[in-house]
Amino acid sequence: MWGLLKRESGTPSYQIKKQMHDIMMKDFYVFRDGTNMSEGLSQLLKLRDAFLNEVYIEDKGRVYNTDLTAALETYNLLQDAVIVAAAALNRTESRGAHYRTDYPKRDDANWLKHTIVVRDASTSLGVSFTYWPVTVTTWKPVERKY
């Protein structure tokens, strides 16, 4: 990442962070649907690539460089946003506080399990999913009714 300090022009990291924020709020907020999430995930992947190819660090110092720190934090947030987006798109049900308009019902038969995201360079997203079973002990899961 020290190569970031050598770039002479480009996009400030705060602009990429703002775009990421807007995508997450628009496509991955409480109410979601597969079409918008697919588009949002595609935009996040483009932003991640843009970060690597375009981000510009104005402060070239190597000591207490808050500009570099902000850029690295933005890149980490982008990585996390891709994981959240991919996992949200993968889960075809509504559960808890997150509601999919295209899958309005909870689906315990297929989704009462923990989703584990694993870094996987062989996929276009850079992640793959595995699952662990949920152990139901004292309280059996029930649908929320408000």
N, C-alpha and C. Protein backbone atom coordinates (compact mmCIF):
# COMPACT_ATOMS: atom_id res chain seq x y z
N MET A 1 0.80 -1.21 0.00
CA MET A 1 0.00 0.00 0.00
C MET A 1 0.84 1.27 0.00
N TRP A 2 2.15 1.14 0.23
CA TRP A 2 2.98 2.36 0.20
C TRP A 2 3.00 2.97 -1.19
N GLY A 3 2.65 2.20 -2.21
CA GLY A 3 2.55 2.74 -3.56
C GLY A 3 1.54 3.86 -3.67
N LEU A 4 0.58 3.87 -2.75
CA LEU A 4 -0.40 4.96 -2.73
C LEU A 4 0.27 6.32 -2.58
N LEU A 5 1.37 6.35 -1.85
CA LEU A 5 2.05 7.62 -1.60
C LEU A 5 2.77 8.13 -2.84
N LYS A 6 2.99 7.28 -3.82
CA LYS A 6 3.71 7.68 -5.03
C LYS A 6 2.79 8.25 -6.10
N ARG A 7 1.50 7.98 -6.00
CA ARG A 7 0.56 8.45 -7.02
C ARG A 7 0.46 9.97 -6.97
N GLU A 8 0.52 10.61 -8.13
CA GLU A 8 0.57 12.08 -8.21
C GLU A 8 -0.80 12.73 -8.35
N SER A 9 -1.81 11.97 -8.76
CA SER A 9 -3.16 12.54 -8.88
C SER A 9 -4.16 11.39 -8.80
N GLY A 10 -5.41 11.75 -8.63
CA GLY A 10 -6.45 10.74 -8.56
C GLY A 10 -7.63 11.20 -7.74
N THR A 11 -8.35 10.24 -7.19
CA THR A 11 -9.56 10.51 -6.42
C THR A 11 -9.25 10.44 -4.94
N PRO A 12 -9.61 11.47 -4.16
CA PRO A 12 -9.40 11.40 -2.71
C PRO A 12 -10.25 10.28 -2.10
N SER A 13 -9.73 9.64 -1.07
CA SER A 13 -10.43 8.51 -0.47
C SER A 13 -11.79 8.89 0.10
N TYR A 14 -11.93 10.13 0.55
CA TYR A 14 -13.22 10.52 1.13
C TYR A 14 -14.34 10.52 0.09
N GLN A 15 -14.01 10.74 -1.19
CA GLN A 15 -15.03 10.68 -2.23
C GLN A 15 -15.48 9.23 -2.45
N ILE A 16 -14.54 8.31 -2.43
CA ILE A 16 -14.89 6.90 -2.58
C ILE A 16 -15.69 6.43 -1.36
N LYS A 17 -15.32 6.90 -0.18
CA LYS A 17 -16.06 6.53 1.04
C LYS A 17 -17.50 7.04 0.97
N LYS A 18 -17.69 8.24 0.46
CA LYS A 18 -19.04 8.81 0.34
C LYS A 18 -19.87 7.99 -0.64
N GLN A 19 -19.27 7.60 -1.76
CA GLN A 19 -19.99 6.77 -2.74
C GLN A 19 -20.37 5.42 -2.13
N MET A 20 -19.46 4.83 -1.37
CA MET A 20 -19.73 3.56 -0.71
C MET A 20 -20.90 3.72 0.26
N HIS A 21 -20.86 4.78 1.04
CA HIS A 21 -21.93 5.06 2.01
C HIS A 21 -23.28 5.18 1.30
N ASP A 22 -23.31 5.92 0.19
CA ASP A 22 -24.56 6.11 -0.54
C ASP A 22 -25.10 4.79 -1.08
N ILE A 23 -24.22 3.93 -1.60
CA ILE A 23 -24.63 2.63 -2.12
C ILE A 23 -25.20 1.77 -0.99
N MET A 24 -24.51 1.73 0.14
CA MET A 24 -24.98 0.90 1.26
C MET A 24 -26.32 1.39 1.79
N MET A 25 -26.51 2.69 1.86
CA MET A 25 -27.78 3.24 2.36
C MET A 25 -28.92 2.99 1.37
N LYS A 26 -28.62 3.06 0.08
CA LYS A 26 -29.67 2.90 -0.93
C LYS A 26 -30.03 1.43 -1.15
N ASP A 27 -29.04 0.56 -1.23
CA ASP A 27 -29.29 -0.81 -1.66
C ASP A 27 -29.23 -1.87 -0.57
N PHE A 28 -28.69 -1.53 0.59
CA PHE A 28 -28.50 -2.55 1.64
C PHE A 28 -29.01 -2.09 3.00
N TYR A 29 -29.99 -1.22 3.00
CA TYR A 29 -30.56 -0.74 4.25
C TYR A 29 -31.55 -1.78 4.75
N VAL A 30 -32.47 -1.42 5.56
CA VAL A 30 -33.39 -2.39 6.16
C VAL A 30 -34.27 -3.07 5.12
N PHE A 31 -34.84 -2.30 4.19
CA PHE A 31 -35.68 -2.87 3.14
C PHE A 31 -34.82 -3.07 1.89
N ARG A 32 -34.79 -4.31 1.39
CA ARG A 32 -33.88 -4.67 0.31
C ARG A 32 -34.62 -5.52 -0.72
N ASP A 33 -34.04 -5.57 -1.92
CA ASP A 33 -34.51 -6.53 -2.92
C ASP A 33 -33.31 -6.98 -3.75
N GLY A 34 -33.45 -8.14 -4.35
CA GLY A 34 -32.34 -8.75 -5.07
C GLY A 34 -31.82 -7.91 -6.22
N THR A 35 -32.71 -7.27 -6.97
CA THR A 35 -32.28 -6.47 -8.12
C THR A 35 -31.40 -5.31 -7.68
N ASN A 36 -31.85 -4.56 -6.70
CA ASN A 36 -31.06 -3.41 -6.22
C ASN A 36 -29.77 -3.87 -5.55
N MET A 37 -29.84 -4.98 -4.82
CA MET A 37 -28.62 -5.47 -4.17
C MET A 37 -27.59 -5.94 -5.20
N SER A 38 -28.05 -6.57 -6.27
CA SER A 38 -27.12 -7.00 -7.33
C SER A 38 -26.42 -5.80 -7.94
N GLU A 39 -27.19 -4.76 -8.23
CA GLU A 39 -26.61 -3.54 -8.79
C GLU A 39 -25.67 -2.88 -7.78
N GLY A 40 -26.09 -2.82 -6.54
CA GLY A 40 -25.25 -2.22 -5.50
C GLY A 40 -23.95 -2.97 -5.31
N LEU A 41 -24.01 -4.29 -5.32
CA LEU A 41 -22.79 -5.10 -5.19
C LEU A 41 -21.85 -4.86 -6.37
N SER A 42 -22.41 -4.77 -7.55
CA SER A 42 -21.60 -4.48 -8.74
C SER A 42 -20.91 -3.12 -8.60
N GLN A 43 -21.63 -2.13 -8.09
CA GLN A 43 -21.04 -0.81 -7.89
C GLN A 43 -19.95 -0.84 -6.83
N LEU A 44 -20.16 -1.61 -5.77
CA LEU A 44 -19.14 -1.73 -4.73
C LEU A 44 -17.86 -2.37 -5.27
N LEU A 45 -18.01 -3.38 -6.11
CA LEU A 45 -16.83 -4.02 -6.70
C LEU A 45 -16.08 -3.04 -7.60
N LYS A 46 -16.80 -2.23 -8.35
CA LYS A 46 -16.16 -1.20 -9.18
C LYS A 46 -15.44 -0.17 -8.31
N LEU A 47 -16.07 0.19 -7.20
CA LEU A 47 -15.44 1.15 -6.27
C LEU A 47 -14.16 0.57 -5.68
N ARG A 48 -14.21 -0.70 -5.35
CA ARG A 48 -13.02 -1.35 -4.78
C ARG A 48 -11.88 -1.32 -5.79
N ASP A 49 -12.19 -1.61 -7.05
CA ASP A 49 -11.17 -1.54 -8.10
C ASP A 49 -10.70 -0.10 -8.30
N ALA A 50 -11.64 0.83 -8.28
CA ALA A 50 -11.29 2.24 -8.46
C ALA A 50 -10.36 2.70 -7.34
N PHE A 51 -10.63 2.22 -6.14
CA PHE A 51 -9.76 2.60 -5.02
C PHE A 51 -8.33 2.20 -5.32
N LEU A 52 -8.14 0.97 -5.72
CA LEU A 52 -6.78 0.47 -5.96
C LEU A 52 -6.09 1.19 -7.12
N ASN A 53 -6.86 1.64 -8.09
CA ASN A 53 -6.27 2.25 -9.28
C ASN A 53 -6.26 3.78 -9.27
N GLU A 54 -7.11 4.39 -8.42
CA GLU A 54 -7.29 5.83 -8.54
C GLU A 54 -7.08 6.64 -7.27
N VAL A 55 -7.12 6.01 -6.10
CA VAL A 55 -7.10 6.81 -4.88
C VAL A 55 -5.80 7.60 -4.78
N TYR A 56 -5.94 8.81 -4.31
CA TYR A 56 -4.82 9.74 -4.23
C TYR A 56 -4.64 10.19 -2.79
N ILE A 57 -3.40 10.11 -2.31
CA ILE A 57 -3.04 10.55 -0.96
C ILE A 57 -2.27 11.85 -1.10
N GLU A 58 -2.83 12.92 -0.62
CA GLU A 58 -2.16 14.22 -0.75
C GLU A 58 -0.93 14.32 0.15
N ASP A 59 -1.07 13.87 1.40
CA ASP A 59 0.04 13.92 2.35
C ASP A 59 1.00 12.77 2.04
N LYS A 60 2.21 13.08 1.69
CA LYS A 60 3.18 12.05 1.31
C LYS A 60 4.07 11.60 2.48
N GLY A 61 3.83 12.13 3.65
CA GLY A 61 4.64 11.79 4.81
C GLY A 61 4.40 10.36 5.27
N ARG A 62 5.38 9.82 5.98
CA ARG A 62 5.27 8.45 6.50
C ARG A 62 5.09 8.41 8.01
N VAL A 63 4.97 9.58 8.63
CA VAL A 63 4.78 9.64 10.07
C VAL A 63 3.48 10.40 10.35
N TYR A 64 2.62 9.80 11.14
CA TYR A 64 1.34 10.38 11.54
C TYR A 64 0.60 10.96 10.33
N ASN A 65 0.41 10.12 9.33
CA ASN A 65 -0.23 10.52 8.08
C ASN A 65 -1.71 10.18 8.17
N THR A 66 -2.53 11.13 8.58
CA THR A 66 -3.96 10.88 8.74
C THR A 66 -4.66 10.69 7.40
N ASP A 67 -4.12 11.27 6.34
CA ASP A 67 -4.67 11.07 5.01
C ASP A 67 -4.51 9.61 4.59
N LEU A 68 -3.34 9.04 4.82
CA LEU A 68 -3.10 7.64 4.51
C LEU A 68 -3.95 6.74 5.41
N THR A 69 -4.03 7.09 6.67
CA THR A 69 -4.84 6.30 7.60
C THR A 69 -6.30 6.27 7.14
N ALA A 70 -6.83 7.41 6.75
CA ALA A 70 -8.23 7.48 6.28
C ALA A 70 -8.41 6.64 5.02
N ALA A 71 -7.44 6.67 4.13
CA ALA A 71 -7.53 5.88 2.90
C ALA A 71 -7.52 4.39 3.20
N LEU A 72 -6.64 3.96 4.09
CA LEU A 72 -6.57 2.53 4.44
C LEU A 72 -7.85 2.08 5.14
N GLU A 73 -8.40 2.94 6.00
CA GLU A 73 -9.67 2.62 6.66
C GLU A 73 -10.79 2.51 5.62
N THR A 74 -10.77 3.39 4.64
CA THR A 74 -11.79 3.33 3.58
C THR A 74 -11.67 2.03 2.80
N TYR A 75 -10.46 1.60 2.50
CA TYR A 75 -10.29 0.34 1.78
C TYR A 75 -10.81 -0.83 2.62
N ASN A 76 -10.53 -0.83 3.90
CA ASN A 76 -11.04 -1.90 4.77
C ASN A 76 -12.56 -1.87 4.82
N LEU A 77 -13.14 -0.67 4.88
CA LEU A 77 -14.60 -0.56 4.86
C LEU A 77 -15.17 -1.08 3.55
N LEU A 78 -14.49 -0.82 2.45
CA LEU A 78 -14.94 -1.33 1.16
C LEU A 78 -14.93 -2.85 1.15
N GLN A 79 -13.89 -3.44 1.69
CA GLN A 79 -13.82 -4.90 1.78
C GLN A 79 -14.99 -5.44 2.61
N ASP A 80 -15.26 -4.79 3.73
CA ASP A 80 -16.37 -5.21 4.59
C ASP A 80 -17.71 -5.01 3.90
N ALA A 81 -17.86 -3.90 3.16
CA ALA A 81 -19.11 -3.62 2.46
C ALA A 81 -19.39 -4.70 1.42
N VAL A 82 -18.36 -5.14 0.71
CA VAL A 82 -18.54 -6.21 -0.29
C VAL A 82 -19.00 -7.49 0.41
N ILE A 83 -18.42 -7.80 1.55
CA ILE A 83 -18.82 -9.00 2.30
C ILE A 83 -20.28 -8.90 2.76
N VAL A 84 -20.64 -7.78 3.34
CA VAL A 84 -22.02 -7.58 3.81
C VAL A 84 -22.99 -7.66 2.63
N ALA A 85 -22.65 -7.00 1.53
CA ALA A 85 -23.52 -6.99 0.36
C ALA A 85 -23.68 -8.38 -0.23
N ALA A 86 -22.59 -9.10 -0.38
CA ALA A 86 -22.66 -10.45 -0.94
C ALA A 86 -23.47 -11.38 -0.03
N ALA A 87 -23.27 -11.28 1.26
CA ALA A 87 -24.01 -12.12 2.21
C ALA A 87 -25.50 -11.77 2.20
N ALA A 88 -25.81 -10.49 2.10
CA ALA A 88 -27.22 -10.07 2.08
C ALA A 88 -27.91 -10.57 0.81
N LEU A 89 -27.22 -10.48 -0.31
CA LEU A 89 -27.79 -10.95 -1.57
C LEU A 89 -27.94 -12.47 -1.57
N ASN A 90 -27.02 -13.16 -0.95
CA ASN A 90 -27.02 -14.62 -0.89
C ASN A 90 -28.18 -15.16 -0.06
N ARG A 91 -28.57 -14.44 0.99
CA ARG A 91 -29.60 -14.93 1.91
C ARG A 91 -30.98 -14.57 1.37
N THR A 92 -31.69 -15.56 0.88
CA THR A 92 -32.98 -15.33 0.22
C THR A 92 -34.14 -15.54 1.20
N GLU A 93 -34.22 -14.63 2.15
CA GLU A 93 -35.31 -14.64 3.13
C GLU A 93 -35.31 -13.29 3.85
N SER A 94 -36.35 -13.06 4.63
CA SER A 94 -36.39 -11.92 5.54
C SER A 94 -36.17 -12.48 6.94
N ARG A 95 -35.29 -11.84 7.70
CA ARG A 95 -35.00 -12.33 9.05
C ARG A 95 -34.62 -11.14 9.92
N GLY A 96 -35.12 -11.13 11.12
CA GLY A 96 -34.76 -10.07 12.05
C GLY A 96 -35.17 -8.70 11.52
N ALA A 97 -34.26 -7.77 11.59
CA ALA A 97 -34.56 -6.39 11.19
C ALA A 97 -34.41 -6.17 9.69
N HIS A 98 -33.93 -7.15 8.94
CA HIS A 98 -33.70 -6.97 7.51
C HIS A 98 -34.80 -7.65 6.71
N TYR A 99 -35.44 -6.87 5.84
CA TYR A 99 -36.59 -7.34 5.11
C TYR A 99 -36.30 -7.32 3.62
N ARG A 100 -36.45 -8.46 2.98
CA ARG A 100 -36.30 -8.54 1.52
C ARG A 100 -37.69 -8.51 0.91
N THR A 101 -37.93 -7.51 0.11
CA THR A 101 -39.26 -7.38 -0.51
C THR A 101 -39.53 -8.52 -1.48
N ASP A 102 -38.48 -9.13 -2.05
CA ASP A 102 -38.66 -10.25 -2.96
C ASP A 102 -38.72 -11.60 -2.24
N TYR A 103 -38.39 -11.63 -0.97
CA TYR A 103 -38.50 -12.82 -0.13
C TYR A 103 -39.04 -12.38 1.23
N PRO A 104 -40.35 -12.11 1.33
CA PRO A 104 -40.89 -11.50 2.54
C PRO A 104 -40.99 -12.43 3.76
N LYS A 105 -40.89 -13.72 3.57
CA LYS A 105 -41.05 -14.66 4.69
C LYS A 105 -39.71 -15.18 5.19
N ARG A 106 -39.70 -15.48 6.46
CA ARG A 106 -38.56 -16.15 7.07
C ARG A 106 -38.55 -17.61 6.60
N ASP A 107 -37.37 -18.18 6.41
CA ASP A 107 -37.25 -19.53 5.87
C ASP A 107 -36.30 -20.35 6.74
N ASP A 108 -36.83 -20.86 7.86
CA ASP A 108 -36.00 -21.63 8.78
C ASP A 108 -35.52 -22.94 8.16
N ALA A 109 -36.28 -23.51 7.24
CA ALA A 109 -35.89 -24.78 6.63
C ALA A 109 -34.56 -24.64 5.89
N ASN A 110 -34.34 -23.51 5.25
CA ASN A 110 -33.12 -23.30 4.47
C ASN A 110 -32.11 -22.36 5.11
N TRP A 111 -32.56 -21.49 6.01
CA TRP A 111 -31.66 -20.43 6.48
C TRP A 111 -31.47 -20.36 7.99
N LEU A 112 -31.93 -21.33 8.73
CA LEU A 112 -31.62 -21.34 10.16
C LEU A 112 -30.23 -21.95 10.31
N LYS A 113 -29.24 -21.13 9.96
CA LYS A 113 -27.83 -21.53 10.01
C LYS A 113 -26.98 -20.27 10.04
N HIS A 114 -25.76 -20.43 10.52
CA HIS A 114 -24.80 -19.33 10.54
C HIS A 114 -24.09 -19.27 9.19
N THR A 115 -23.96 -18.08 8.66
CA THR A 115 -23.22 -17.89 7.41
C THR A 115 -21.79 -17.49 7.76
N ILE A 116 -20.85 -18.23 7.23
CA ILE A 116 -19.43 -17.95 7.45
C ILE A 116 -18.85 -17.49 6.12
N VAL A 117 -18.27 -16.31 6.12
CA VAL A 117 -17.66 -15.77 4.90
C VAL A 117 -16.17 -16.06 4.96
N VAL A 118 -15.67 -16.65 3.87
CA VAL A 118 -14.28 -17.06 3.79
C VAL A 118 -13.62 -16.34 2.61
N ARG A 119 -12.44 -15.78 2.83
CA ARG A 119 -11.70 -15.15 1.74
C ARG A 119 -11.37 -16.22 0.70
N ASP A 120 -11.68 -15.92 -0.57
CA ASP A 120 -11.50 -16.90 -1.63
C ASP A 120 -11.13 -16.17 -2.92
N ALA A 121 -9.86 -16.15 -3.24
CA ALA A 121 -9.37 -15.41 -4.40
C ALA A 121 -9.85 -16.01 -5.72
N SER A 122 -10.36 -17.23 -5.71
CA SER A 122 -10.81 -17.86 -6.94
C SER A 122 -12.19 -17.37 -7.40
N THR A 123 -12.87 -16.58 -6.57
CA THR A 123 -14.19 -16.08 -6.94
C THR A 123 -14.10 -14.61 -7.35
N SER A 124 -15.08 -14.15 -8.12
CA SER A 124 -15.08 -12.76 -8.57
C SER A 124 -15.27 -11.79 -7.41
N LEU A 125 -15.93 -12.23 -6.35
CA LEU A 125 -16.14 -11.37 -5.19
C LEU A 125 -14.95 -11.37 -4.24
N GLY A 126 -14.14 -12.43 -4.34
CA GLY A 126 -13.04 -12.57 -3.40
C GLY A 126 -13.44 -13.26 -2.11
N VAL A 127 -14.70 -13.73 -2.05
CA VAL A 127 -15.20 -14.44 -0.86
C VAL A 127 -16.07 -15.61 -1.30
N SER A 128 -16.19 -16.58 -0.42
CA SER A 128 -17.16 -17.66 -0.61
C SER A 128 -17.83 -17.91 0.74
N PHE A 129 -18.88 -18.70 0.72
CA PHE A 129 -19.67 -18.91 1.93
C PHE A 129 -19.64 -20.38 2.36
N THR A 130 -19.57 -20.58 3.65
CA THR A 130 -19.81 -21.88 4.24
C THR A 130 -20.83 -21.65 5.34
N TYR A 131 -21.35 -22.73 5.87
CA TYR A 131 -22.43 -22.60 6.86
C TYR A 131 -22.18 -23.52 8.04
N TRP A 132 -22.61 -23.05 9.19
CA TRP A 132 -22.58 -23.87 10.40
C TRP A 132 -24.00 -23.97 10.93
N PRO A 133 -24.34 -25.11 11.50
CA PRO A 133 -25.70 -25.25 12.02
C PRO A 133 -25.91 -24.40 13.28
N VAL A 134 -27.15 -24.01 13.47
CA VAL A 134 -27.54 -23.31 14.70
C VAL A 134 -27.96 -24.37 15.70
N THR A 135 -27.46 -24.27 16.91
CA THR A 135 -27.88 -25.16 17.98
C THR A 135 -28.97 -24.46 18.78
N VAL A 136 -30.17 -24.99 18.70
CA VAL A 136 -31.30 -24.41 19.42
C VAL A 136 -31.33 -25.03 20.81
N THR A 137 -31.26 -24.16 21.84
CA THR A 137 -31.27 -24.66 23.22
C THR A 137 -32.55 -24.21 23.91
N THR A 138 -32.50 -23.18 24.69
CA THR A 138 -33.62 -22.78 25.53
C THR A 138 -34.80 -22.23 24.74
N TRP A 139 -34.55 -21.29 23.85
CA TRP A 139 -35.64 -20.64 23.12
C TRP A 139 -35.66 -21.07 21.68
N LYS A 140 -36.79 -21.63 21.27
CA LYS A 140 -36.96 -21.98 19.86
C LYS A 140 -37.24 -20.71 19.08
N PRO A 141 -36.67 -20.59 17.87
CA PRO A 141 -36.90 -19.39 17.09
C PRO A 141 -38.35 -19.26 16.65
N VAL A 142 -38.86 -18.08 16.75
CA VAL A 142 -40.22 -17.78 16.31
C VAL A 142 -40.20 -16.52 15.46
N GLU A 143 -41.19 -16.39 14.61
CA GLU A 143 -41.31 -15.22 13.76
C GLU A 143 -41.67 -14.00 14.62
N ARG A 144 -41.06 -12.88 14.30
CA ARG A 144 -41.40 -11.64 15.01
C ARG A 144 -42.76 -11.13 14.52
N LYS A 145 -43.54 -10.68 15.45
CA LYS A 145 -44.86 -10.12 15.14
C LYS A 145 -44.96 -8.78 15.83
N TYR A 146 -45.15 -7.75 15.05
CA TYR A 146 -45.24 -6.39 15.61
C TYR A 146 -46.64 -5.86 15.48
